[in-house]
Protein backbone atom coordinates (compact mmCIF):
# COMPACT_ATOMS: atom_id res chain seq x y z
CA UNK A 1 0.08 0.05 0.06
CA UNK A 2 1.31 3.37 -0.90
CA UNK A 3 1.73 6.11 1.71
CA UNK A 4 -1.06 8.60 2.27
CA UNK A 5 -1.29 11.55 -0.20
CA UNK A 6 -1.55 15.13 0.83
CA UNK A 7 -4.64 15.61 -1.20
CA UNK A 8 -7.04 13.79 -3.48
CA UNK A 9 -5.17 13.22 -6.81
CA UNK A 10 -8.41 13.81 -8.77
CA UNK A 11 -7.89 17.56 -8.11
CA UNK A 12 -4.95 17.48 -10.54
CA UNK A 13 -6.05 18.81 -13.97
CA UNK A 14 -6.15 16.12 -16.70
CA UNK A 15 -5.92 18.56 -19.73
CA UNK A 16 -2.24 19.28 -19.34
CA UNK A 17 0.34 17.31 -21.32
CA UNK A 18 3.05 15.61 -19.27
CA UNK A 19 6.26 14.49 -20.90
CA UNK A 20 6.84 10.66 -21.29
CA UNK A 21 8.58 9.17 -18.34
CA UNK A 22 7.24 11.64 -15.86
CA UNK A 23 4.11 11.97 -13.69
CA UNK A 24 2.27 14.50 -11.56
CA UNK A 25 0.97 13.45 -8.19
CA UNK A 26 0.37 14.90 -4.74
CA UNK A 27 3.26 14.85 -2.14
CA UNK A 28 3.16 11.64 0.02
CA UNK A 29 3.79 11.01 3.68
CA UNK A 30 7.06 8.98 2.81
CA UNK A 31 8.41 11.56 0.25
CA UNK A 32 11.46 12.34 2.40
CA UNK A 33 13.40 12.99 -0.88
CA UNK A 34 11.35 16.10 -1.46
CA UNK A 35 13.60 17.91 1.05
CA UNK A 36 16.53 17.38 -1.15
CA UNK A 37 14.88 19.18 -3.95
CA UNK A 38 13.75 22.09 -1.62
CA UNK A 39 17.50 22.48 -0.78
CA UNK A 40 18.02 23.85 -4.21
CA UNK A 41 15.48 26.59 -3.53
CA UNK A 42 16.32 27.81 -0.02
CA UNK A 43 17.61 26.85 3.31
CA UNK A 44 15.87 23.58 4.69
CA UNK A 45 18.17 22.62 7.57
CA UNK A 46 18.09 19.36 9.31
CA UNK A 47 14.64 17.51 9.45
CA UNK A 48 14.35 13.97 10.30
CA UNK A 49 11.71 11.54 9.01
CA UNK A 50 9.51 11.93 12.05
CA UNK A 51 9.58 15.73 11.80
CA UNK A 52 8.82 15.37 8.13
CA UNK A 53 5.74 13.12 8.87
CA UNK A 54 4.56 15.53 11.61
CA UNK A 55 4.61 18.39 9.25
CA UNK A 56 2.92 16.45 6.51
CA UNK A 57 0.14 15.49 9.08
CA UNK A 58 -0.36 19.14 10.13
CA UNK A 59 -0.75 20.21 6.44
CA UNK A 60 -3.21 17.45 5.68
CA UNK A 61 -5.36 18.22 8.73
CA UNK A 62 -5.54 21.85 7.54
CA UNK A 63 -7.01 20.84 4.27
CA UNK A 64 -5.53 23.81 2.56
CA UNK A 65 -2.05 22.59 1.30
CA UNK A 66 -1.60 21.31 -2.19
CA UNK A 67 2.08 20.31 -2.80
CA UNK A 68 2.23 18.88 -6.23
CA UNK A 69 5.32 16.90 -7.28
CA UNK A 70 6.72 15.96 -10.73
CA UNK A 71 8.24 12.47 -10.37
CA UNK A 72 10.57 10.77 -12.90
CA UNK A 73 9.14 7.37 -13.10
CA UNK A 74 12.19 5.33 -13.90
CA UNK A 75 14.12 6.71 -10.96
CA UNK A 76 11.20 7.44 -8.67
CA UNK A 77 12.86 10.66 -7.97
CA UNK A 78 11.00 13.91 -7.44
CA UNK A 79 12.50 16.37 -9.92
CA UNK A 80 9.98 19.22 -9.59
CA UNK A 81 7.56 20.62 -7.13
CA UNK A 82 5.25 23.50 -6.35
CA UNK A 83 2.63 24.32 -3.58
CA UNK A 84 -0.85 25.79 -3.87
CA UNK A 85 -1.79 27.29 -0.42
CA UNK A 86 -5.53 28.09 0.07
CA UNK A 87 -6.30 30.75 2.50
CA UNK A 88 -9.74 30.84 4.01
CA UNK A 89 -11.40 34.33 4.20
CA UNK A 90 -14.44 36.16 5.31
CA UNK A 91 -14.38 38.67 2.60
CA UNK A 92 -15.80 37.76 -0.86
CA UNK A 93 -18.69 35.83 0.51
CA UNK A 94 -16.41 33.73 2.83
CA UNK A 95 -14.30 33.08 -0.23
CA UNK A 96 -10.82 31.46 -0.74
CA UNK A 97 -7.74 33.01 -1.85
CA UNK A 98 -4.79 31.05 -3.35
CA UNK A 99 -1.01 31.53 -2.99
CA UNK A 100 1.66 29.76 -5.02
CA UNK A 101 4.77 28.80 -3.01
CA UNK A 102 8.06 26.97 -3.29
CA UNK A 103 8.19 26.35 -7.02
CA UNK A 104 11.37 24.38 -7.75
CA UNK A 105 12.85 22.22 -10.46
CA UNK A 106 15.92 19.96 -10.04
CA UNK A 107 19.00 21.62 -11.49
CA UNK A 108 19.65 18.68 -14.00
CA UNK A 109 16.07 19.03 -15.22
CA UNK A 110 15.96 22.71 -15.93
CA UNK A 111 15.34 23.90 -19.55
CA UNK A 112 12.61 21.43 -20.18
CA UNK A 113 9.77 23.76 -19.29
CA UNK A 114 8.86 21.84 -16.01
CA UNK A 115 8.49 25.28 -14.30
CA UNK A 116 5.95 26.21 -16.98
CA UNK A 117 4.31 22.83 -16.35
CA UNK A 118 4.05 23.24 -12.63
CA UNK A 119 2.56 26.73 -12.83
CA UNK A 120 -0.07 25.70 -15.36
CA UNK A 121 -1.07 22.96 -13.00
CA UNK A 122 -1.44 25.23 -10.08
CA UNK A 123 -3.42 27.88 -11.91
CA UNK A 124 -5.82 25.23 -13.18
CA UNK A 125 -6.15 23.69 -9.68
CA UNK A 126 -6.80 27.23 -8.14
CA UNK A 127 -9.52 27.80 -10.57
CA UNK A 128 -11.09 24.41 -9.98
CA UNK A 129 -11.05 24.98 -6.19
CA UNK A 130 -12.70 28.29 -6.78
CA UNK A 131 -10.32 30.96 -5.45
CA UNK A 132 -11.16 34.56 -6.29
CA UNK A 133 -7.59 35.54 -6.33
CA UNK A 134 -4.11 33.75 -6.88
CA UNK A 135 -0.88 35.48 -6.00
CA UNK A 136 2.85 34.78 -5.53
CA UNK A 137 6.05 36.66 -4.64
CA UNK A 138 8.90 36.77 -7.15
CA UNK A 139 12.21 38.55 -8.02
CA UNK A 140 12.34 41.37 -10.69
CA UNK A 141 13.94 39.02 -13.21
CA UNK A 142 10.95 36.53 -13.01
CA UNK A 143 8.22 39.04 -13.47
CA UNK A 144 8.01 38.47 -17.44
CA UNK A 145 7.79 34.60 -16.68
CA UNK A 146 4.94 34.88 -14.40
CA UNK A 147 3.07 37.42 -16.55
CA UNK A 148 2.74 34.66 -19.17
CA UNK A 149 0.34 33.02 -16.66
CA UNK A 150 -1.92 36.03 -16.21
CA UNK A 151 -0.19 37.68 -13.22
CA UNK A 152 0.34 41.45 -12.90
CA UNK A 153 1.98 43.63 -10.28
CA UNK A 154 -0.53 45.83 -8.50
CA UNK A 155 0.64 45.92 -4.77
CA UNK A 156 3.79 46.06 -2.84
CA UNK A 157 5.12 43.09 -0.89
CA UNK A 158 6.80 43.86 2.43
CA UNK A 159 8.37 41.55 4.88
CA UNK A 160 10.61 41.34 7.90
CA UNK A 161 12.64 38.39 9.14
CA UNK A 162 13.15 36.81 12.76
CA UNK A 163 15.98 34.53 11.95
CA UNK A 164 16.53 33.49 15.45
CA UNK A 165 12.83 32.43 15.96
CA UNK A 166 12.07 29.13 17.48
CA UNK A 167 8.57 27.77 16.64
CA UNK A 168 6.29 26.88 19.55
CA UNK A 169 3.33 24.55 19.80
CA UNK A 170 -0.06 25.83 20.71
CA UNK A 171 -3.29 24.10 21.27
CA UNK A 172 -6.70 25.03 20.04
CA UNK A 173 -8.90 26.43 22.93
CA UNK A 174 -11.30 24.11 24.66
CA UNK A 175 -13.90 26.44 24.16
CA UNK A 176 -14.67 26.10 20.36
CA UNK A 177 -16.47 29.41 20.10
CA UNK A 178 -13.16 31.15 20.46
CA UNK A 179 -10.76 31.20 17.53
CA UNK A 180 -7.52 30.98 19.64
CA UNK A 181 -6.55 31.30 23.34
CA UNK A 182 -6.52 35.00 24.42
CA UNK A 183 -3.36 34.24 26.37
CA UNK A 184 -1.36 34.21 23.05
CA UNK A 185 -2.29 38.01 22.70
CA UNK A 186 0.85 39.93 23.97
CA UNK A 187 0.49 42.44 26.74
CA UNK A 188 3.92 43.54 27.51
CA UNK A 189 4.60 47.15 25.90
CA UNK A 190 1.04 47.19 24.44
CA UNK A 191 -0.91 50.23 25.54
CA UNK A 192 -4.67 49.62 25.06
CA UNK A 193 -6.98 52.68 25.29
CA UNK A 194 -9.34 52.72 28.19
CA UNK A 195 -12.62 51.22 27.29
CA UNK A 196 -11.24 48.96 24.76
CA UNK A 197 -10.64 45.26 24.88
CA UNK A 198 -8.33 43.25 22.78
CA UNK A 199 -9.45 39.58 22.23
CA UNK A 200 -9.70 36.71 19.80
CA UNK A 201 -12.56 36.56 17.42
CA UNK A 202 -15.60 34.51 18.38
CA UNK A 203 -18.02 32.31 16.48
CA UNK A 204 -20.89 34.74 17.09
CA UNK A 205 -18.93 37.99 16.11
CA UNK A 206 -21.05 38.59 12.99
CA UNK A 207 -20.65 42.36 13.40
CA UNK A 208 -17.00 41.66 12.40
CA UNK A 209 -18.43 41.57 8.84
CA UNK A 210 -19.80 45.05 9.11
CA UNK A 211 -16.26 46.18 9.90
CA UNK A 212 -14.73 44.30 6.88
CA UNK A 213 -17.08 46.00 4.66
CA UNK A 214 -15.19 49.15 5.33
CA UNK A 215 -12.15 47.52 3.87
CA UNK A 216 -13.37 45.47 0.83
CA UNK A 217 -16.17 43.53 -0.60
CA UNK A 218 -17.80 41.03 1.72
CA UNK A 219 -21.00 40.13 0.13
CA UNK A 220 -23.68 37.90 1.60
CA UNK A 221 -22.45 35.83 4.41
CA UNK A 222 -25.10 34.10 6.47
CA UNK A 223 -24.80 33.00 10.16
CA UNK A 224 -24.16 29.47 9.03
CA UNK A 225 -21.62 30.60 6.44
CA UNK A 226 -19.84 32.57 9.20
CA UNK A 227 -19.82 29.58 11.63
CA UNK A 228 -18.62 27.21 8.92
CA UNK A 229 -15.77 29.48 7.87
CA UNK A 230 -14.90 29.99 11.54
CA UNK A 231 -14.48 26.22 11.96
CA UNK A 232 -12.11 26.00 9.01
CA UNK A 233 -9.78 28.54 10.64
CA UNK A 234 -8.79 26.78 13.91
CA UNK A 235 -5.03 26.22 14.50
CA UNK A 236 -3.41 28.64 12.08
CA UNK A 237 -5.56 31.75 11.96
CA UNK A 238 -5.34 34.47 14.57
CA UNK A 239 -7.94 37.22 13.95
CA UNK A 240 -7.48 39.80 16.70
CA UNK A 241 -10.34 42.28 17.39
CA UNK A 242 -10.57 45.51 19.25
CA UNK A 243 -13.92 45.67 21.13
CA UNK A 244 -15.46 48.89 22.42
CA UNK A 245 -16.52 47.51 25.81
CA UNK A 246 -19.36 49.96 26.49
CA UNK A 247 -21.02 49.41 23.02
CA UNK A 248 -20.04 45.82 22.80
CA UNK A 249 -18.90 46.66 19.29
CA UNK A 250 -15.78 45.50 17.21
CA UNK A 251 -13.98 48.71 16.15
CA UNK A 252 -10.81 47.22 14.82
CA UNK A 253 -9.48 43.97 13.65
CA UNK A 254 -6.33 42.30 11.96
CA UNK A 255 -5.48 38.79 10.96
CA UNK A 256 -2.28 36.83 11.42
CA UNK A 257 -2.11 33.66 9.26
CA UNK A 258 0.54 31.17 10.13
CA UNK A 259 1.71 28.93 7.34
CA UNK A 260 3.32 25.50 7.94
CA UNK A 261 6.44 25.11 5.87
CA UNK A 262 9.19 22.38 5.30
CA UNK A 263 11.81 24.93 4.65
CA UNK A 264 13.74 26.47 7.69
CA UNK A 265 13.58 23.19 9.58
CA UNK A 266 9.87 22.95 9.35
CA UNK A 267 9.41 26.50 10.24
CA UNK A 268 6.47 28.82 10.34
CA UNK A 269 5.82 31.76 8.19
CA UNK A 270 3.39 34.63 9.10
CA UNK A 271 1.17 36.72 6.96
CA UNK A 272 -0.73 39.96 8.10
CA UNK A 273 -4.02 40.24 6.56
CA UNK A 274 -7.21 42.27 6.62
CA UNK A 275 -6.29 45.19 8.88
CA UNK A 276 -9.09 47.61 9.47
CA UNK A 277 -10.34 50.14 11.94
CA UNK A 278 -13.87 51.49 12.07
CA UNK A 279 -13.95 54.79 10.25
CA UNK A 280 -15.40 56.47 13.39
CA UNK A 281 -12.36 55.45 15.36
CA UNK A 282 -9.64 56.42 12.89
CA UNK A 283 -6.95 58.80 14.15
CA UNK A 284 -6.70 57.20 17.47
CA UNK A 285 -3.75 54.98 16.53
CA UNK A 286 -5.73 51.73 16.76
CA UNK A 287 -3.99 50.61 13.47
CA UNK A 288 -0.70 51.07 15.12
CA UNK A 289 -1.93 49.04 18.07
CA UNK A 290 -3.18 46.31 15.94
CA UNK A 291 0.08 46.10 13.94
CA UNK A 292 2.18 46.00 17.14
CA UNK A 293 0.19 43.17 18.45
CA UNK A 294 0.44 41.08 15.31
CA UNK A 295 4.24 41.61 15.01
CA UNK A 296 4.76 40.62 18.79
CA UNK A 297 2.38 37.58 18.27
CA UNK A 298 4.35 36.52 15.28
CA UNK A 299 7.67 36.68 17.21
CA UNK A 300 6.18 34.80 20.05
CA UNK A 301 4.80 32.00 17.89
CA UNK A 302 8.16 31.65 16.29
CA UNK A 303 7.61 32.78 12.71
CA UNK A 304 10.89 33.26 10.65
CA UNK A 305 9.20 35.71 8.38
CA UNK A 306 6.47 38.05 8.49
CA UNK A 307 4.90 39.63 5.38
CA UNK A 308 2.11 41.72 3.95
CA UNK A 309 0.81 43.37 0.89
CA UNK A 310 0.07 47.07 0.73
CA UNK A 311 -0.44 49.97 -1.56
CA UNK A 312 2.34 52.57 -2.29
CA UNK A 313 0.92 55.17 0.15
CA UNK A 314 1.11 52.68 3.13
CA UNK A 315 4.79 51.69 2.78
CA UNK A 316 6.01 54.42 5.18
CA UNK A 317 3.42 53.33 7.73
CA UNK A 318 4.44 49.64 7.64
CA UNK A 319 8.21 50.46 7.54
CA UNK A 320 7.71 51.76 11.09
CA UNK A 321 7.09 48.13 12.19
CA UNK A 322 10.20 46.79 10.69
CA UNK A 323 8.98 45.81 7.22
CA UNK A 324 10.91 46.44 4.08
CA UNK A 325 10.27 45.76 0.27
CA UNK A 326 12.59 43.29 -1.34
CA UNK A 327 10.53 41.20 -3.66
CA UNK A 328 7.62 41.71 -6.11
CA UNK A 329 3.86 40.78 -5.51
CA UNK A 330 2.12 39.22 -8.53
CA UNK A 331 -1.63 38.63 -8.53
CA UNK A 332 -4.38 37.57 -10.92
CA UNK A 333 -8.15 37.51 -10.10
CA UNK A 334 -10.99 35.04 -11.03
CA UNK A 335 -13.72 37.15 -9.61
CA UNK A 336 -16.01 36.55 -12.65
CA UNK A 337 -15.40 32.77 -12.67
CA UNK A 338 -17.95 30.53 -10.98
CA UNK A 339 -16.54 28.19 -8.36
CA UNK A 340 -17.21 24.57 -8.90
CA UNK A 341 -20.04 22.74 -7.13
CA UNK A 342 -17.61 20.47 -5.40
CA UNK A 343 -14.21 21.90 -4.34
CA UNK A 344 -12.97 19.15 -2.01
CA UNK A 345 -13.09 15.39 -2.56
CA UNK A 346 -13.70 12.82 0.18
């Protein structure tokens, strides 16, 4: 019996030509050789087989990681790989956003257009799954390559690194109506205005959607939709809200998404998303407060890199928190494409 696959192989597109002697398939729990390929992309460090399987299991439980590998059949060697990461959102009618990560082809196999093949596969998978947006980060010299697949540059990508970070392990709260344990929210050096409470999002915080409407399109999200999306976020989503205690109203919010990686010794990568302050509360430095909280949370959780996307006008604001721009952010949208009736397979 073969080892478990990370996702259902039927999600792979069947309309893309694959060269003879090779096959596409999902990453498997015993694909320890995948790490040797990743070492050609970036730092991996030492990972034993137990750690490899634990990371695999965490990714499989999350139901949002799609690591596609290209295998040379004769040698059973992985010669190419790329990852499609699905990010669960409340915006765009509790939609899904896609990110392409860790695209790599073995050095001896380059020049055979395997990079093109892997990107075509991930774009088709993203459309099948029904993401409203697909993005990636790349160096300047790779912009023309990715433009061939429909990407364009329309935002800035900022990041900061915590190279001495040591990932921690956290548990989901016993109370399943709370997204994460409030004890993970930093307090040292964080000045919270009187009458304001900092806490984790709860499963009955439907007024959070009203706040998000001030940021971007939310659309219709029912109470059931809200609760179902909430249930998918446990474990790696940290939505911090600022509550006006007197009015019991959410007046600010920001999201830290933690991504499980194999690189950097099974490290954690953080992303800051959906930072918004109620328009009636702007000018009170609540955006500064939210960003300080997320940066400190990211450090305490042990992420090795924290990143975000922003408009040109916001670069000076985020530079105050340690971010800098050193790579390009590319995106394409599928807003007008209908998602499939079935997006996951049992």
